[in-house]
Amino acid sequence: MKQSARANLAVLSDFDGTITIVDTAEFVLARFAKGDWQTFDKQYQRGQITLEECLRKQFSLVTASQEEILNELDKVVTFRPNFEKLARCCKKNSIPFMIVSAGLDFVIDYFLELNEWERLVETCTAKTQFGANGINFIFPELFDATSANFKQDLVRHYKAQGKKVIYIGDGSADYAAAIEADYPFAIKGSRLAKLCGKNRMRCATITDFMKVVETICEIMT
């Protein structure tokens, strides 16, 4: 494998509904939100509020504790096949692999540690804070103020370093990142896949991570 190819590649992946089969953030909202959290999702889809505003409004309705949330998620969370294979492939070849998620950081950290994956990947997530007004989010600062969200911003950041970027996602919040990635992947049948199809944007659809591993191997040969 070529050293130059290794140095010039980065892999970014969404977490909820991409690495996990269940969207953990939506599960928490459906299980614990006291109010109509879906209204904010519709406002976001219509472009009336930002992703950050949407999440803050939705999770202000959640008053459950971290322990309660994790206990419920333990019963339902499973992982998309070959995630560990992709993570180990990147680690072995010194390719940055970062989880880029607008979900709950403590949920991601918990499941990474539970499966002993925390040393295989990095994370870029909003930081959560529990308070009297539910769960609040502090989002990463943008490198480029014109970025639609921090997911797209991170793609731009790696590309500015001269790297080719693989991006994997499933939701509309992943679209801005996917359109700027060199190798975009969408979960088959997902909202992201449908958006890419509707806008005639090149995007490979996947049901597991093996195709991404194969793409990395092709790039580096």
Protein backbone atom coordinates (compact mmCIF):
# COMPACT_ATOMS: atom_id res chain seq x y z
CA MET A 1 0.00 0.00 0.00
CA LYS A 2 1.27 3.44 -0.88
CA GLN A 3 2.43 5.62 1.99
CA SER A 4 1.26 8.77 0.14
CA ALA A 5 -2.25 7.37 -0.20
CA ARG A 6 -2.37 6.64 3.52
CA ALA A 7 -1.23 10.16 4.41
CA ASN A 8 -3.76 11.78 2.08
CA LEU A 9 -6.96 10.03 3.18
CA ALA A 10 -9.42 10.68 6.02
CA VAL A 11 -12.62 8.82 6.93
CA LEU A 12 -15.54 10.59 8.59
CA SER A 13 -18.74 8.86 9.68
CA ASP A 14 -22.02 9.80 11.28
CA PHE A 15 -23.02 7.67 14.30
CA ASP A 16 -26.80 7.43 14.71
CA GLY A 17 -28.40 5.27 12.03
CA THR A 18 -25.03 4.89 10.32
CA ILE A 19 -22.68 3.12 12.71
CA THR A 20 -25.65 2.05 14.82
CA ILE A 21 -28.74 0.45 13.31
CA VAL A 22 -31.00 2.32 15.73
CA ASP A 23 -30.84 6.12 15.70
CA THR A 24 -30.02 6.56 19.37
CA ALA A 25 -30.93 10.27 19.49
CA GLU A 26 -34.37 9.65 17.98
CA PHE A 27 -34.87 6.70 20.31
CA VAL A 28 -34.13 8.89 23.34
CA LEU A 29 -36.51 11.57 22.11
CA ALA A 30 -39.28 9.05 21.42
CA ARG A 31 -38.78 7.42 24.82
CA PHE A 32 -38.15 10.42 27.08
CA ALA A 33 -39.15 13.75 25.46
CA LYS A 34 -42.07 15.44 27.19
CA GLY A 35 -43.60 17.31 24.28
CA ASP A 36 -43.82 17.34 20.49
CA TRP A 37 -40.15 16.99 19.52
CA GLN A 38 -41.06 16.05 15.93
CA THR A 39 -42.31 19.59 15.27
CA PHE A 40 -38.73 20.85 15.51
CA ASP A 41 -37.53 18.13 13.16
CA LYS A 42 -40.08 19.27 10.58
CA GLN A 43 -38.96 22.88 11.00
CA TYR A 44 -35.37 21.80 10.39
CA GLN A 45 -36.31 19.81 7.28
CA ARG A 46 -38.08 22.91 5.91
CA GLY A 47 -34.99 25.03 6.55
CA GLN A 48 -36.73 27.17 9.19
CA ILE A 49 -34.19 26.42 11.92
CA THR A 50 -30.60 25.18 11.96
CA LEU A 51 -29.48 21.71 13.00
CA GLU A 52 -28.08 23.18 16.20
CA GLU A 53 -31.34 24.97 17.03
CA CYS A 54 -33.34 21.85 16.29
CA LEU A 55 -31.34 19.68 18.68
CA ARG A 56 -31.35 22.24 21.46
CA LYS A 57 -35.13 22.63 21.23
CA GLN A 58 -35.73 18.87 21.05
CA PHE A 59 -33.51 17.86 23.94
CA SER A 60 -34.78 20.66 26.17
CA LEU A 61 -37.80 18.32 26.42
CA VAL A 62 -35.71 15.47 27.88
CA THR A 63 -35.31 15.39 31.67
CA ALA A 64 -34.15 11.77 32.04
CA SER A 65 -30.77 11.11 33.64
CA GLN A 66 -27.74 9.79 31.82
CA GLU A 67 -28.11 6.46 33.64
CA GLU A 68 -31.77 6.12 32.60
CA ILE A 69 -30.90 6.87 28.98
CA LEU A 70 -28.04 4.38 28.81
CA ASN A 71 -30.05 1.66 30.51
CA GLU A 72 -32.74 1.92 27.83
CA LEU A 73 -30.26 2.09 24.95
CA ASP A 74 -28.42 -1.00 26.22
CA LYS A 75 -31.54 -2.98 25.31
CA VAL A 76 -31.79 -1.85 21.68
CA VAL A 77 -28.44 -0.72 20.24
CA THR A 78 -26.77 -2.91 17.63
CA PHE A 79 -24.02 -2.02 15.18
CA ARG A 80 -23.84 -2.08 11.42
CA PRO A 81 -21.76 -5.03 10.19
CA ASN A 82 -18.03 -4.55 9.57
CA PHE A 83 -17.71 -1.30 11.52
CA GLU A 84 -14.86 -2.77 13.56
CA LYS A 85 -13.19 -4.02 10.38
CA LEU A 86 -13.29 -0.48 8.96
CA ALA A 87 -11.96 1.02 12.18
CA ARG A 88 -9.10 -1.47 12.36
CA CYS A 89 -8.29 -0.97 8.67
CA CYS A 90 -7.92 2.77 9.27
CA LYS A 91 -5.89 2.28 12.44
CA LYS A 92 -3.54 -0.20 10.76
CA ASN A 93 -2.90 2.18 7.88
CA SER A 94 -2.66 5.37 9.96
CA ILE A 95 -5.77 6.86 8.32
CA PRO A 96 -7.69 9.32 10.52
CA PHE A 97 -11.13 7.89 11.28
CA MET A 98 -13.47 10.29 13.03
CA ILE A 99 -17.05 9.89 14.19
CA VAL A 100 -18.81 13.17 13.41
CA SER A 101 -22.10 13.23 15.27
CA ALA A 102 -24.76 15.68 16.39
CA GLY A 103 -26.02 13.04 18.81
CA LEU A 104 -25.35 12.51 22.49
CA ASP A 105 -21.62 12.42 23.23
CA PHE A 106 -21.95 10.30 26.38
CA VAL A 107 -23.90 7.67 24.42
CA ILE A 108 -21.17 7.45 21.77
CA ASP A 109 -18.40 7.28 24.38
CA TYR A 110 -20.25 4.61 26.35
CA PHE A 111 -20.71 2.24 23.40
CA LEU A 112 -17.19 2.78 22.08
CA GLU A 113 -15.76 1.87 25.48
CA LEU A 114 -18.18 -1.02 25.92
CA ASN A 115 -16.89 -2.59 22.69
CA GLU A 116 -13.25 -1.56 23.28
CA TRP A 117 -13.26 0.64 20.16
CA GLU A 118 -12.30 3.92 21.82
CA ARG A 119 -8.65 3.62 20.70
CA LEU A 120 -9.59 2.91 17.10
CA VAL A 121 -11.49 6.12 16.35
CA GLU A 122 -11.64 9.80 17.23
CA THR A 123 -14.86 11.70 17.85
CA CYS A 124 -16.09 15.17 16.98
CA THR A 125 -19.40 15.75 18.73
CA ALA A 126 -21.44 18.35 20.50
CA LYS A 127 -20.82 18.37 24.25
CA THR A 128 -23.92 17.71 26.32
CA GLN A 129 -24.87 19.35 29.60
CA PHE A 130 -27.68 18.20 31.89
CA GLY A 131 -29.66 20.97 33.57
CA ALA A 132 -33.04 22.13 34.79
CA ASN A 133 -34.05 22.82 31.18
CA GLY A 134 -33.24 19.36 29.83
CA ILE A 135 -30.11 18.49 27.87
CA ASN A 136 -28.16 21.33 26.27
CA PHE A 137 -25.54 21.11 23.52
CA ILE A 138 -22.30 23.01 23.00
CA PHE A 139 -21.27 22.53 19.38
CA PRO A 140 -17.70 22.50 18.04
CA GLU A 141 -16.40 25.82 16.77
CA LEU A 142 -16.22 26.01 12.99
CA PHE A 143 -12.96 26.33 11.09
CA ASP A 144 -14.91 27.96 8.25
CA ALA A 145 -17.76 30.26 9.28
CA THR A 146 -19.52 29.64 5.96
CA SER A 147 -19.96 25.91 6.66
CA ALA A 148 -23.58 24.72 6.94
CA ASN A 149 -22.73 22.72 10.07
CA PHE A 150 -19.74 21.21 11.82
CA LYS A 151 -19.97 18.01 9.74
CA GLN A 152 -19.42 19.86 6.50
CA ASP A 153 -16.85 22.02 8.27
CA LEU A 154 -14.73 19.00 9.18
CA VAL A 155 -14.81 17.72 5.59
CA ARG A 156 -13.57 21.13 4.46
CA HIS A 157 -10.91 21.14 7.18
CA TYR A 158 -9.42 17.82 6.06
CA LYS A 159 -9.61 18.78 2.38
CA ALA A 160 -7.77 22.01 3.16
CA GLN A 161 -4.95 19.79 4.46
CA GLY A 162 -4.79 18.08 1.07
CA LYS A 163 -6.60 14.93 2.11
CA LYS A 164 -9.21 12.98 0.15
CA VAL A 165 -12.27 12.50 2.35
CA ILE A 166 -14.59 9.52 2.68
CA TYR A 167 -17.87 10.53 4.32
CA ILE A 168 -20.54 8.07 5.51
CA GLY A 169 -23.98 9.12 6.71
CA ASP A 170 -27.71 8.54 6.65
CA GLY A 171 -29.57 11.77 7.43
CA SER A 172 -30.30 15.15 5.92
CA ALA A 173 -27.81 16.67 8.39
CA ASP A 174 -25.12 14.68 6.54
CA TYR A 175 -25.96 16.09 3.11
CA ALA A 176 -23.79 19.21 3.25
CA ALA A 177 -20.80 17.07 4.28
CA ALA A 178 -21.49 14.38 1.70
CA ILE A 179 -21.67 16.79 -1.25
CA GLU A 180 -18.14 18.03 -0.51
CA ALA A 181 -16.59 14.64 0.24
CA ASP A 182 -14.47 12.92 -2.39
CA TYR A 183 -16.07 9.54 -1.66
CA PRO A 184 -19.61 9.93 -0.24
CA PHE A 185 -21.47 6.90 1.10
CA ALA A 186 -25.11 6.79 2.23
CA ILE A 187 -26.97 4.06 4.08
CA LYS A 188 -29.30 2.38 1.58
CA GLY A 189 -32.87 3.66 1.83
CA SER A 190 -31.89 6.50 4.18
CA ARG A 191 -32.91 10.13 3.97
CA LEU A 192 -29.40 10.99 2.78
CA ALA A 193 -29.57 8.39 0.00
CA LYS A 194 -32.91 9.80 -1.14
CA LEU A 195 -31.61 13.37 -1.09
CA CYS A 196 -28.58 12.39 -3.14
CA GLY A 197 -30.79 10.57 -5.63
CA LYS A 198 -33.24 13.46 -5.87
CA ASN A 199 -30.44 15.95 -6.53
CA ARG A 200 -28.55 13.57 -8.82
CA MET A 201 -25.49 13.67 -6.62
CA ARG A 202 -22.98 10.85 -6.90
CA CYS A 203 -23.16 8.71 -3.78
CA ALA A 204 -22.56 5.01 -3.16
CA THR A 205 -25.23 3.28 -1.08
CA ILE A 206 -24.29 0.66 1.49
CA THR A 207 -25.88 -1.64 4.06
CA ASP A 208 -22.63 -2.39 5.90
CA PHE A 209 -19.07 -1.04 5.98
CA MET A 210 -17.35 -3.65 3.81
CA LYS A 211 -17.71 -1.54 0.66
CA VAL A 212 -15.94 1.32 2.43
CA VAL A 213 -13.08 -1.00 3.43
CA GLU A 214 -12.82 -2.17 -0.18
CA THR A 215 -12.77 1.43 -1.40
CA ILE A 216 -9.89 2.25 0.94
CA CYS A 217 -7.96 -0.75 -0.34
CA GLU A 218 -8.54 0.37 -3.94
CA ILE A 219 -7.40 3.92 -3.19
CA MET A 220 -4.18 2.68 -1.59
CA THR A 221 -3.15 0.19 -4.28
